[in-house]
Protein backbone atom coordinates (compact mmCIF):
# COMPACT_ATOMS: atom_id res chain seq x y z
CA LYS A 1 27.07 -25.73 69.54
CA LEU A 2 29.29 -23.35 71.55
CA SER A 3 32.45 -22.48 69.46
CA LEU A 4 33.94 -20.56 72.39
CA ILE A 5 32.97 -19.66 76.09
CA ILE A 6 35.19 -17.08 77.91
CA PHE A 7 34.99 -16.50 81.48
CA LEU A 8 36.40 -13.24 82.95
CA ASN A 9 37.30 -14.14 86.38
CA VAL A 10 37.30 -11.10 88.81
CA SER A 11 37.98 -11.26 92.42
CA LYS A 12 35.43 -9.88 94.88
CA ASN A 13 37.72 -7.30 95.91
CA THR A 14 38.30 -5.93 92.70
CA ILE A 15 34.79 -5.69 91.62
CA ILE A 16 34.03 -3.92 94.90
CA GLU A 17 36.74 -1.49 94.16
CA ARG A 18 35.37 -0.87 90.50
CA LEU A 19 31.97 -0.65 91.51
CA GLU A 20 32.66 1.91 94.17
CA LYS A 21 34.67 3.96 91.69
CA ARG A 22 31.75 3.84 89.27
CA LYS A 23 29.25 4.89 92.13
CA ILE A 24 31.22 8.15 92.23
CA LEU A 25 31.93 8.63 88.67
CA GLU A 26 28.16 7.87 87.39
CA ASN A 27 26.52 8.74 90.74
CA ARG A 28 24.86 5.24 90.65
CA SER A 29 22.67 4.56 93.87
CA ASP A 30 22.50 0.96 93.04
CA ASP A 31 26.27 0.53 93.72
CA ASP A 32 26.38 0.92 97.45
CA PHE A 33 28.38 -1.90 99.18
CA ASP A 34 25.92 -4.10 100.45
CA THR A 35 23.93 -4.36 96.93
CA ILE A 36 27.53 -5.06 95.58
CA ILE A 37 28.00 -7.87 97.80
CA LYS A 38 24.45 -9.34 97.18
CA ARG A 39 24.72 -8.99 93.65
CA PHE A 40 28.27 -10.71 93.46
CA ASP A 41 27.20 -13.61 95.74
CA THR A 42 24.09 -14.31 93.99
CA TYR A 43 26.01 -14.23 90.56
CA MET A 44 28.56 -16.74 91.85
CA GLU A 45 25.89 -19.13 93.36
CA THR A 46 24.24 -19.20 90.08
CA THR A 47 27.08 -19.48 87.92
CA LYS A 48 29.21 -21.80 89.73
CA PRO A 49 27.34 -24.95 88.35
CA LEU A 50 27.30 -23.47 85.24
CA LEU A 51 31.19 -22.92 85.19
CA ASP A 52 31.97 -26.43 86.60
CA PHE A 53 30.05 -27.67 83.42
CA TYR A 54 31.64 -25.43 80.79
CA ASN A 55 35.16 -25.78 81.99
CA LYS A 56 35.29 -29.20 80.98
CA ASN A 57 34.90 -27.94 77.43
CA PRO A 58 37.98 -27.57 74.94
CA ASN A 59 36.72 -24.33 74.25
CA PHE A 60 36.52 -22.64 77.58
CA TYR A 61 38.90 -19.95 78.36
CA GLU A 62 39.45 -18.18 81.74
CA ILE A 63 40.88 -14.82 81.53
CA ASP A 64 41.95 -12.92 84.56
CA GLY A 65 39.43 -10.01 84.64
CA SER A 66 41.71 -7.74 86.77
CA LEU A 67 43.73 -6.87 84.10
CA LYS A 68 43.66 -3.85 81.94
CA ILE A 69 40.73 -3.66 79.26
CA ASP A 70 43.54 -3.77 76.39
CA GLU A 71 45.02 -6.89 78.00
CA ILE A 72 41.87 -8.40 78.29
CA THR A 73 41.12 -7.47 74.71
CA ALA A 74 44.07 -9.01 73.39
CA LYS A 75 43.47 -12.26 75.20
CA ILE A 76 39.91 -12.26 73.65
CA ASP A 77 41.53 -11.52 70.33
CA THR A 78 44.18 -14.55 70.61
CA PHE A 79 41.19 -16.86 71.09
CA LEU A 80 38.89 -15.86 68.45
CA THR A 81 41.67 -16.12 66.00
CA VAL A 82 42.49 -19.84 66.74
């Protein structure tokens, strides 16, 4: 039984922006633009059916993943204390 389902919803543009910054900061070769797009598209294709299924669950919470880390953490904390 799942007691809590959290989906961090982040736009494709935000993910691209963040991973391109990560590439510079961490010198990661796997964060090139084409790889980022392919990983995002694959993730969405495989995750979309699960999101549609779990979205009907009353314990499903969607959080705007473009928020700052402390804001996301605060939202998650409110779900954990319910």
